[in-house]
PDB file of all heavy atoms in Angstrom:
ATOM      1  N   LEU A   1     -46.122  80.677  -5.114  1.00  0.00           N
ATOM      2  CA  LEU A   1     -47.098  79.621  -5.400  1.00  0.00           C
ATOM      3  C   LEU A   1     -48.525  80.101  -5.167  1.00  0.00           C
ATOM      4  O   LEU A   1     -49.428  79.799  -5.943  1.00  0.00           O
ATOM      5  CB  LEU A   1     -46.796  78.391  -4.548  1.00  0.00           C
ATOM      6  CG  LEU A   1     -45.557  77.581  -4.944  1.00  0.00           C
ATOM      7  CD1 LEU A   1     -45.207  76.567  -3.865  1.00  0.00           C
ATOM      8  CD2 LEU A   1     -45.793  76.868  -6.278  1.00  0.00           C
ATOM      9  N   ARG A   2     -48.719  80.866  -4.106  1.00  0.00           N
ATOM     10  CA  ARG A   2     -50.055  81.364  -3.790  1.00  0.00           C
ATOM     11  C   ARG A   2     -50.544  82.387  -4.818  1.00  0.00           C
ATOM     12  O   ARG A   2     -51.747  82.532  -5.028  1.00  0.00           O
ATOM     13  CB  ARG A   2     -50.057  81.980  -2.388  1.00  0.00           C
ATOM     14  CG  ARG A   2     -50.018  80.947  -1.276  1.00  0.00           C
ATOM     15  CD  ARG A   2     -51.412  80.506  -0.936  1.00  0.00           C
ATOM     16  NE  ARG A   2     -51.448  79.257  -0.189  1.00  0.00           N
ATOM     17  CZ  ARG A   2     -52.560  78.755   0.351  1.00  0.00           C
ATOM     18  NH1 ARG A   2     -53.705  79.396   0.207  1.00  0.00           N
ATOM     19  NH2 ARG A   2     -52.533  77.622   0.989  1.00  0.00           N
ATOM     20  N   CYS A   3     -49.594  83.083  -5.425  1.00  0.00           N
ATOM     21  CA  CYS A   3     -49.945  84.107  -6.410  1.00  0.00           C
ATOM     22  C   CYS A   3     -49.893  83.570  -7.841  1.00  0.00           C
ATOM     23  O   CYS A   3     -50.033  84.345  -8.800  1.00  0.00           O
ATOM     24  CB  CYS A   3     -49.023  85.311  -6.263  1.00  0.00           C
ATOM     25  SG  CYS A   3     -49.186  86.164  -4.676  1.00  0.00           S
ATOM     26  N   GLY A   4     -49.668  82.266  -7.988  1.00  0.00           N
ATOM     27  CA  GLY A   4     -49.636  81.659  -9.310  1.00  0.00           C
ATOM     28  C   GLY A   4     -48.427  82.032 -10.143  1.00  0.00           C
ATOM     29  O   GLY A   4     -48.484  81.983 -11.381  1.00  0.00           O
ATOM     30  N   LYS A   5     -47.323  82.374  -9.488  1.00  0.00           N
ATOM     31  CA  LYS A   5     -46.110  82.778 -10.199  1.00  0.00           C
ATOM     32  C   LYS A   5     -45.131  81.616 -10.293  1.00  0.00           C
ATOM     33  O   LYS A   5     -45.159  80.678  -9.496  1.00  0.00           O
ATOM     34  CB  LYS A   5     -45.453  83.965  -9.490  1.00  0.00           C
ATOM     35  CG  LYS A   5     -46.310  85.226  -9.459  1.00  0.00           C
ATOM     36  CD  LYS A   5     -45.601  86.347  -8.722  1.00  0.00           C
ATOM     37  CE  LYS A   5     -46.455  87.614  -8.677  1.00  0.00           C
ATOM     38  NZ  LYS A   5     -45.789  88.700  -7.904  1.00  0.00           N
ATOM     39  N   GLU A   6     -44.221  81.716 -11.234  1.00  0.00           N
ATOM     40  CA  GLU A   6     -43.167  80.724 -11.396  1.00  0.00           C
ATOM     41  C   GLU A   6     -42.186  80.823 -10.224  1.00  0.00           C
ATOM     42  O   GLU A   6     -41.752  81.918  -9.857  1.00  0.00           O
ATOM     43  CB  GLU A   6     -42.437  80.968 -12.723  1.00  0.00           C
ATOM     44  CG  GLU A   6     -41.163  80.179 -12.902  1.00  0.00           C
ATOM     45  CD  GLU A   6     -41.393  78.677 -12.853  1.00  0.00           C
ATOM     46  OE1 GLU A   6     -42.435  78.206 -13.367  1.00  0.00           O
ATOM     47  OE2 GLU A   6     -40.534  77.986 -12.296  1.00  0.00           O
ATOM     48  N   CYS A   7     -41.848  79.675  -9.642  1.00  0.00           N
ATOM     49  CA  CYS A   7     -40.911  79.716  -8.508  1.00  0.00           C
ATOM     50  C   CYS A   7     -39.781  78.713  -8.679  1.00  0.00           C
ATOM     51  O   CYS A   7     -39.151  78.319  -7.689  1.00  0.00           O
ATOM     52  CB  CYS A   7     -41.648  79.495  -7.188  1.00  0.00           C
ATOM     53  SG  CYS A   7     -42.372  77.863  -6.998  1.00  0.00           S
ATOM     54  N   GLY A   8     -39.519  78.299  -9.912  1.00  0.00           N
ATOM     55  CA  GLY A   8     -38.461  77.319 -10.159  1.00  0.00           C
ATOM     56  C   GLY A   8     -37.102  77.768  -9.662  1.00  0.00           C
ATOM     57  O   GLY A   8     -36.373  76.987  -9.038  1.00  0.00           O
ATOM     58  N   ASN A   9     -36.760  79.023  -9.909  1.00  0.00           N
ATOM     59  CA  ASN A   9     -35.455  79.531  -9.471  1.00  0.00           C
ATOM     60  C   ASN A   9     -35.375  79.632  -7.953  1.00  0.00           C
ATOM     61  O   ASN A   9     -34.324  79.375  -7.355  1.00  0.00           O
ATOM     62  CB  ASN A   9     -35.170  80.895 -10.105  1.00  0.00           C
ATOM     63  CG  ASN A   9     -34.874  80.797 -11.589  1.00  0.00           C
ATOM     64  OD1 ASN A   9     -34.449  79.741 -12.078  1.00  0.00           O
ATOM     65  ND2 ASN A   9     -35.103  81.879 -12.317  1.00  0.00           N
ATOM     66  N   LEU A  10     -36.487  80.004  -7.329  1.00  0.00           N
ATOM     67  CA  LEU A  10     -36.524  80.073  -5.869  1.00  0.00           C
ATOM     68  C   LEU A  10     -36.337  78.690  -5.259  1.00  0.00           C
ATOM     69  O   LEU A  10     -35.581  78.517  -4.293  1.00  0.00           O
ATOM     70  CB  LEU A  10     -37.852  80.674  -5.398  1.00  0.00           C
ATOM     71  CG  LEU A  10     -38.050  82.171  -5.603  1.00  0.00           C
ATOM     72  CD1 LEU A  10     -39.498  82.554  -5.340  1.00  0.00           C
ATOM     73  CD2 LEU A  10     -37.111  82.968  -4.701  1.00  0.00           C
ATOM     74  N   LYS A  11     -37.014  77.703  -5.815  1.00  0.00           N
ATOM     75  CA  LYS A  11     -36.898  76.340  -5.305  1.00  0.00           C
ATOM     76  C   LYS A  11     -35.492  75.797  -5.539  1.00  0.00           C
ATOM     77  O   LYS A  11     -34.959  75.060  -4.694  1.00  0.00           O
ATOM     78  CB  LYS A  11     -37.946  75.438  -5.942  1.00  0.00           C
ATOM     79  CG  LYS A  11     -39.368  75.755  -5.484  1.00  0.00           C
ATOM     80  CD  LYS A  11     -40.412  74.867  -6.149  1.00  0.00           C
ATOM     81  CE  LYS A  11     -40.383  73.465  -5.604  1.00  0.00           C
ATOM     82  NZ  LYS A  11     -41.492  72.639  -6.127  1.00  0.00           N
ATOM     83  N   LEU A  12     -34.880  76.160  -6.661  1.00  0.00           N
ATOM     84  CA  LEU A  12     -33.509  75.751  -6.910  1.00  0.00           C
ATOM     85  C   LEU A  12     -32.562  76.330  -5.865  1.00  0.00           C
ATOM     86  O   LEU A  12     -31.685  75.630  -5.334  1.00  0.00           O
ATOM     87  CB  LEU A  12     -33.074  76.192  -8.313  1.00  0.00           C
ATOM     88  CG  LEU A  12     -31.635  75.841  -8.727  1.00  0.00           C
ATOM     89  CD1 LEU A  12     -31.416  74.327  -8.718  1.00  0.00           C
ATOM     90  CD2 LEU A  12     -31.322  76.426 -10.104  1.00  0.00           C
ATOM     91  N   ALA A  13     -32.755  77.605  -5.542  1.00  0.00           N
ATOM     92  CA  ALA A  13     -31.932  78.254  -4.518  1.00  0.00           C
ATOM     93  C   ALA A  13     -32.144  77.598  -3.160  1.00  0.00           C
ATOM     94  O   ALA A  13     -31.195  77.404  -2.386  1.00  0.00           O
ATOM     95  CB  ALA A  13     -32.251  79.747  -4.454  1.00  0.00           C
ATOM     96  N   LEU A  14     -33.393  77.234  -2.866  1.00  0.00           N
ATOM     97  CA  LEU A  14     -33.695  76.587  -1.591  1.00  0.00           C
ATOM     98  C   LEU A  14     -33.048  75.209  -1.526  1.00  0.00           C
ATOM     99  O   LEU A  14     -32.487  74.822  -0.490  1.00  0.00           O
ATOM    100  CB  LEU A  14     -35.204  76.483  -1.417  1.00  0.00           C
ATOM    101  CG  LEU A  14     -35.720  75.969  -0.068  1.00  0.00           C
ATOM    102  CD1 LEU A  14     -35.221  76.839   1.082  1.00  0.00           C
ATOM    103  CD2 LEU A  14     -37.251  75.913  -0.077  1.00  0.00           C
ATOM    104  N   ARG A  15     -33.092  74.463  -2.623  1.00  0.00           N
ATOM    105  CA  ARG A  15     -32.441  73.152  -2.665  1.00  0.00           C
ATOM    106  C   ARG A  15     -30.936  73.276  -2.419  1.00  0.00           C
ATOM    107  O   ARG A  15     -30.333  72.428  -1.748  1.00  0.00           O
ATOM    108  CB  ARG A  15     -32.702  72.481  -4.008  1.00  0.00           C
ATOM    109  CG  ARG A  15     -34.120  71.963  -4.198  1.00  0.00           C
ATOM    110  CD  ARG A  15     -34.242  71.130  -5.460  1.00  0.00           C
ATOM    111  NE  ARG A  15     -35.610  70.685  -5.666  1.00  0.00           N
ATOM    112  CZ  ARG A  15     -36.455  71.259  -6.506  1.00  0.00           C
ATOM    113  NH1 ARG A  15     -36.061  72.302  -7.233  1.00  0.00           N
ATOM    114  NH2 ARG A  15     -37.686  70.792  -6.636  1.00  0.00           N
ATOM    115  N   GLU A  16     -30.346  74.318  -2.941  1.00  0.00           N
ATOM    116  CA  GLU A  16     -28.902  74.532  -2.727  1.00  0.00           C
ATOM    117  C   GLU A  16     -28.605  74.772  -1.253  1.00  0.00           C
ATOM    118  O   GLU A  16     -27.598  74.268  -0.721  1.00  0.00           O
ATOM    119  CB  GLU A  16     -28.423  75.705  -3.575  1.00  0.00           C
ATOM    120  CG  GLU A  16     -28.392  75.410  -5.072  1.00  0.00           C
ATOM    121  CD  GLU A  16     -28.040  76.632  -5.908  1.00  0.00           C
ATOM    122  OE1 GLU A  16     -27.884  77.736  -5.323  1.00  0.00           O
ATOM    123  OE2 GLU A  16     -27.912  76.481  -7.135  1.00  0.00           O
ATOM    124  N   GLU A  17     -29.475  75.527  -0.583  1.00  0.00           N
ATOM    125  CA  GLU A  17     -29.287  75.753   0.855  1.00  0.00           C
ATOM    126  C   GLU A  17     -29.461  74.450   1.626  1.00  0.00           C
ATOM    127  O   GLU A  17     -28.715  74.176   2.584  1.00  0.00           O
ATOM    128  CB  GLU A  17     -30.279  76.807   1.359  1.00  0.00           C
ATOM    129  CG  GLU A  17     -30.090  78.182   0.775  1.00  0.00           C
ATOM    130  CD  GLU A  17     -28.705  78.747   1.004  1.00  0.00           C
ATOM    131  OE1 GLU A  17     -28.197  78.641   2.144  1.00  0.00           O
ATOM    132  OE2 GLU A  17     -28.121  79.286   0.045  1.00  0.00           O
ATOM    133  N   PHE A  18     -30.413  73.646   1.226  1.00  0.00           N
ATOM    134  CA  PHE A  18     -30.609  72.354   1.879  1.00  0.00           C
ATOM    135  C   PHE A  18     -29.427  71.416   1.621  1.00  0.00           C
ATOM    136  O   PHE A  18     -29.084  70.600   2.486  1.00  0.00           O
ATOM    137  CB  PHE A  18     -31.914  71.718   1.414  1.00  0.00           C
ATOM    138  CG  PHE A  18     -33.151  72.391   1.921  1.00  0.00           C
ATOM    139  CD1 PHE A  18     -34.371  72.223   1.270  1.00  0.00           C
ATOM    140  CD2 PHE A  18     -33.130  73.200   3.052  1.00  0.00           C
ATOM    141  CE1 PHE A  18     -35.524  72.833   1.735  1.00  0.00           C
ATOM    142  CE2 PHE A  18     -34.271  73.822   3.527  1.00  0.00           C
ATOM    143  CZ  PHE A  18     -35.475  73.639   2.859  1.00  0.00           C
ATOM    144  N   CYS A  19     -28.805  71.535   0.459  1.00  0.00           N
ATOM    145  CA  CYS A  19     -27.603  70.736   0.182  1.00  0.00           C
ATOM    146  C   CYS A  19     -26.479  71.088   1.155  1.00  0.00           C
ATOM    147  O   CYS A  19     -25.719  70.202   1.593  1.00  0.00           O
ATOM    148  CB  CYS A  19     -27.131  70.962  -1.257  1.00  0.00           C
ATOM    149  SG  CYS A  19     -28.028  69.995  -2.479  1.00  0.00           S
ATOM    150  N   ASN A  20     -26.368  72.369   1.511  1.00  0.00           N
ATOM    151  CA  ASN A  20     -25.345  72.780   2.479  1.00  0.00           C
ATOM    152  C   ASN A  20     -25.587  72.128   3.838  1.00  0.00           C
ATOM    153  O   ASN A  20     -24.647  71.663   4.497  1.00  0.00           O
ATOM    154  CB  ASN A  20     -25.346  74.301   2.629  1.00  0.00           C
ATOM    155  CG  ASN A  20     -24.889  75.017   1.380  1.00  0.00           C
ATOM    156  OD1 ASN A  20     -24.145  74.455   0.561  1.00  0.00           O
ATOM    157  ND2 ASN A  20     -25.323  76.252   1.196  1.00  0.00           N
ATOM    158  N   LEU A  21     -26.855  72.085   4.250  1.00  0.00           N
ATOM    159  CA  LEU A  21     -27.188  71.436   5.519  1.00  0.00           C
ATOM    160  C   LEU A  21     -26.978  69.928   5.428  1.00  0.00           C
ATOM    161  O   LEU A  21     -26.537  69.300   6.402  1.00  0.00           O
ATOM    162  CB  LEU A  21     -28.634  71.752   5.907  1.00  0.00           C
ATOM    163  CG  LEU A  21     -28.970  73.229   6.169  1.00  0.00           C
ATOM    164  CD1 LEU A  21     -30.431  73.378   6.568  1.00  0.00           C
ATOM    165  CD2 LEU A  21     -28.058  73.826   7.245  1.00  0.00           C
ATOM    166  N   GLU A  22     -27.282  69.353   4.277  1.00  0.00           N
ATOM    167  CA  GLU A  22     -27.044  67.925   4.053  1.00  0.00           C
ATOM    168  C   GLU A  22     -25.572  67.582   4.225  1.00  0.00           C
ATOM    169  O   GLU A  22     -25.219  66.572   4.850  1.00  0.00           O
ATOM    170  CB  GLU A  22     -27.518  67.553   2.645  1.00  0.00           C
ATOM    171  CG  GLU A  22     -27.228  66.114   2.235  1.00  0.00           C
ATOM    172  CD  GLU A  22     -28.209  65.112   2.815  1.00  0.00           C
ATOM    173  OE1 GLU A  22     -29.182  65.532   3.465  1.00  0.00           O
ATOM    174  OE2 GLU A  22     -28.003  63.895   2.621  1.00  0.00           O
ATOM    175  N   GLU A  23     -24.706  68.422   3.684  1.00  0.00           N
ATOM    176  CA  GLU A  23     -23.266  68.190   3.798  1.00  0.00           C
ATOM    177  C   GLU A  23     -22.802  68.212   5.249  1.00  0.00           C
ATOM    178  O   GLU A  23     -21.941  67.426   5.650  1.00  0.00           O
ATOM    179  CB  GLU A  23     -22.503  69.239   2.991  1.00  0.00           C
ATOM    180  CG  GLU A  23     -22.615  69.065   1.485  1.00  0.00           C
ATOM    181  CD  GLU A  23     -21.848  70.130   0.729  1.00  0.00           C
ATOM    182  OE1 GLU A  23     -21.076  70.875   1.358  1.00  0.00           O
ATOM    183  OE2 GLU A  23     -22.037  70.227  -0.492  1.00  0.00           O
ATOM    184  N   ILE A  24     -23.385  69.106   6.028  1.00  0.00           N
ATOM    185  CA  ILE A  24     -23.016  69.198   7.441  1.00  0.00           C
ATOM    186  C   ILE A  24     -23.392  67.919   8.181  1.00  0.00           C
ATOM    187  O   ILE A  24     -22.581  67.338   8.921  1.00  0.00           O
ATOM    188  CB  ILE A  24     -23.682  70.423   8.093  1.00  0.00           C
ATOM    189  CG1 ILE A  24     -23.065  71.716   7.542  1.00  0.00           C
ATOM    190  CG2 ILE A  24     -23.549  70.379   9.621  1.00  0.00           C
ATOM    191  CD1 ILE A  24     -23.874  72.948   7.837  1.00  0.00           C
ATOM    192  N   LEU A  25     -24.630  67.462   7.994  1.00  0.00           N
ATOM    193  CA  LEU A  25     -25.061  66.231   8.660  1.00  0.00           C
ATOM    194  C   LEU A  25     -24.236  65.033   8.202  1.00  0.00           C
ATOM    195  O   LEU A  25     -23.873  64.174   9.010  1.00  0.00           O
ATOM    196  CB  LEU A  25     -26.544  65.979   8.381  1.00  0.00           C
ATOM    197  CG  LEU A  25     -27.546  66.883   9.103  1.00  0.00           C
ATOM    198  CD1 LEU A  25     -28.957  66.597   8.616  1.00  0.00           C
ATOM    199  CD2 LEU A  25     -27.470  66.713  10.620  1.00  0.00           C
ATOM    200  N   SER A  26     -23.939  64.968   6.906  1.00  0.00           N
ATOM    201  CA  SER A  26     -23.156  63.846   6.373  1.00  0.00           C
ATOM    202  C   SER A  26     -21.732  63.867   6.920  1.00  0.00           C
ATOM    203  O   SER A  26     -21.176  62.820   7.285  1.00  0.00           O
ATOM    204  CB  SER A  26     -23.131  63.903   4.846  1.00  0.00           C
ATOM    205  OG  SER A  26     -24.442  63.786   4.316  1.00  0.00           O
ATOM    206  N   TYR A  27     -21.142  65.051   7.012  1.00  0.00           N
ATOM    207  CA  TYR A  27     -19.784  65.176   7.543  1.00  0.00           C
ATOM    208  C   TYR A  27     -19.729  64.795   9.013  1.00  0.00           C
ATOM    209  O   TYR A  27     -18.818  64.096   9.457  1.00  0.00           O
ATOM    210  CB  TYR A  27     -19.282  66.604   7.344  1.00  0.00           C
ATOM    211  CG  TYR A  27     -17.925  66.861   7.950  1.00  0.00           C
ATOM    212  CD1 TYR A  27     -16.765  66.423   7.314  1.00  0.00           C
ATOM    213  CD2 TYR A  27     -17.809  67.527   9.169  1.00  0.00           C
ATOM    214  CE1 TYR A  27     -15.518  66.652   7.875  1.00  0.00           C
ATOM    215  CE2 TYR A  27     -16.573  67.749   9.733  1.00  0.00           C
ATOM    216  CZ  TYR A  27     -15.419  67.309   9.090  1.00  0.00           C
ATOM    217  OH  TYR A  27     -14.185  67.531   9.652  1.00  0.00           O
ATOM    218  N   GLN A  28     -20.743  65.260   9.772  1.00  0.00           N
ATOM    219  CA  GLN A  28     -20.778  64.948  11.205  1.00  0.00           C
ATOM    220  C   GLN A  28     -21.118  63.483  11.462  1.00  0.00           C
ATOM    221  O   GLN A  28     -20.766  62.938  12.512  1.00  0.00           O
ATOM    222  CB  GLN A  28     -21.839  65.821  11.901  1.00  0.00           C
ATOM    223  CG  GLN A  28     -21.523  67.292  11.936  1.00  0.00           C
ATOM    224  CD  GLN A  28     -22.634  68.106  12.589  1.00  0.00           C
ATOM    225  OE1 GLN A  28     -22.481  69.292  12.799  1.00  0.00           O
ATOM    226  NE2 GLN A  28     -23.755  67.486  12.934  1.00  0.00           N
ATOM    227  N   ASN A  29     -21.878  62.889  10.546  1.00  0.00           N
ATOM    228  CA  ASN A  29     -22.396  61.532  10.710  1.00  0.00           C
ATOM    229  C   ASN A  29     -23.244  61.422  11.977  1.00  0.00           C
ATOM    230  O   ASN A  29     -23.122  60.478  12.764  1.00  0.00           O
ATOM    231  CB  ASN A  29     -21.244  60.510  10.742  1.00  0.00           C
ATOM    232  CG  ASN A  29     -21.743  59.084  10.555  1.00  0.00           C
ATOM    233  OD1 ASN A  29     -22.779  58.858   9.911  1.00  0.00           O
ATOM    234  ND2 ASN A  29     -21.031  58.125  11.125  1.00  0.00           N
ATOM    235  N   THR A  30     -24.103  62.424  12.173  1.00  0.00           N
ATOM    236  CA  THR A  30     -25.027  62.446  13.311  1.00  0.00           C
ATOM    237  C   THR A  30     -26.438  62.686  12.802  1.00  0.00           C
ATOM    238  O   THR A  30     -26.637  63.257  11.729  1.00  0.00           O
ATOM    239  CB  THR A  30     -24.666  63.562  14.321  1.00  0.00           C
ATOM    240  OG1 THR A  30     -24.701  64.839  13.643  1.00  0.00           O
ATOM    241  CG2 THR A  30     -23.289  63.338  14.922  1.00  0.00           C
ATOM    242  N   VAL A  31     -27.411  62.269  13.587  1.00  0.00           N
ATOM    243  CA  VAL A  31     -28.813  62.494  13.207  1.00  0.00           C
ATOM    244  C   VAL A  31     -29.175  63.961  13.346  1.00  0.00           C
ATOM    245  O   VAL A  31     -29.868  64.534  12.498  1.00  0.00           O
ATOM    246  CB  VAL A  31     -29.753  61.625  14.063  1.00  0.00           C
ATOM    247  CG1 VAL A  31     -31.220  61.982  13.773  1.00  0.00           C
ATOM    248  CG2 VAL A  31     -29.505  60.148  13.799  1.00  0.00           C
ATOM    249  N   PHE A  32     -28.700  64.591  14.432  1.00  0.00           N
ATOM    250  CA  PHE A  32     -29.057  65.975  14.739  1.00  0.00           C
ATOM    251  C   PHE A  32     -27.894  66.907  14.441  1.00  0.00           C
ATOM    252  O   PHE A  32     -26.732  66.483  14.384  1.00  0.00           O
ATOM    253  CB  PHE A  32     -29.504  66.109  16.192  1.00  0.00           C
ATOM    254  CG  PHE A  32     -30.715  65.280  16.514  1.00  0.00           C
ATOM    255  CD1 PHE A  32     -30.595  64.084  17.205  1.00  0.00           C
ATOM    256  CD2 PHE A  32     -31.982  65.682  16.112  1.00  0.00           C
ATOM    257  CE1 PHE A  32     -31.701  63.306  17.493  1.00  0.00           C
ATOM    258  CE2 PHE A  32     -33.095  64.914  16.389  1.00  0.00           C
ATOM    259  CZ  PHE A  32     -32.954  63.716  17.088  1.00  0.00           C
ATOM    260  N   PHE A  33     -28.205  68.190  14.287  1.00  0.00           N
ATOM    261  CA  PHE A  33     -27.162  69.147  13.914  1.00  0.00           C
ATOM    262  C   PHE A  33     -26.170  69.410  15.042  1.00  0.00           C
ATOM    263  O   PHE A  33     -25.020  69.754  14.784  1.00  0.00           O
ATOM    264  CB  PHE A  33     -27.797  70.456  13.436  1.00  0.00           C
ATOM    265  CG  PHE A  33     -28.341  70.369  12.044  1.00  0.00           C
ATOM    266  CD1 PHE A  33     -29.682  70.098  11.823  1.00  0.00           C
ATOM    267  CD2 PHE A  33     -27.511  70.516  10.956  1.00  0.00           C
ATOM    268  CE1 PHE A  33     -30.190  69.999  10.533  1.00  0.00           C
ATOM    269  CE2 PHE A  33     -27.995  70.416   9.662  1.00  0.00           C
ATOM    270  CZ  PHE A  33     -29.335  70.162   9.453  1.00  0.00           C
ATOM    271  N   GLY A  34     -26.610  69.228  16.286  1.00  0.00           N
ATOM    272  CA  GLY A  34     -25.707  69.446  17.410  1.00  0.00           C
ATOM    273  C   GLY A  34     -24.997  68.196  17.877  1.00  0.00           C
ATOM    274  O   GLY A  34     -24.196  68.256  18.803  1.00  0.00           O
ATOM    275  N   GLY A  35     -25.287  67.051  17.244  1.00  0.00           N
ATOM    276  CA  GLY A  35     -24.668  65.799  17.673  1.00  0.00           C
ATOM    277  C   GLY A  35     -25.687  64.678  17.716  1.00  0.00           C
ATOM    278  O   GLY A  35     -26.686  64.698  16.997  1.00  0.00           O
ATOM    279  N   PRO A  36     -25.483  63.706  18.604  1.00  0.00           N
ATOM    280  CA  PRO A  36     -26.385  62.540  18.652  1.00  0.00           C
ATOM    281  C   PRO A  36     -27.755  62.835  19.257  1.00  0.00           C
ATOM    282  O   PRO A  36     -28.689  62.053  19.066  1.00  0.00           O
ATOM    283  CB  PRO A  36     -25.614  61.538  19.519  1.00  0.00           C
ATOM    284  CG  PRO A  36     -24.703  62.382  20.358  1.00  0.00           C
ATOM    285  CD  PRO A  36     -24.319  63.560  19.516  1.00  0.00           C
ATOM    286  N   CYS A  37     -27.871  63.935  19.997  1.00  0.00           N
ATOM    287  CA  CYS A  37     -29.135  64.276  20.659  1.00  0.00           C
ATOM    288  C   CYS A  37     -29.636  65.629  20.164  1.00  0.00           C
ATOM    289  O   CYS A  37     -28.857  66.487  19.763  1.00  0.00           O
ATOM    290  CB  CYS A  37     -28.966  64.328  22.183  1.00  0.00           C
ATOM    291  SG  CYS A  37     -28.400  62.775  22.909  1.00  0.00           S
TER     292      CYS A  37
END
C-alpha cells in the first residue's frame, strides 16, 4: 500500500488467516483465545 502496489491477493490471504482464527473463537464460544479471560 505504501509503495502504491496492488495488494488484493495479499489481503485475500490475510482474510483467510483471520477466518481460521474466527473458526477457533466460534468453536470455543469464548471472547478470548485462551478462554473466558
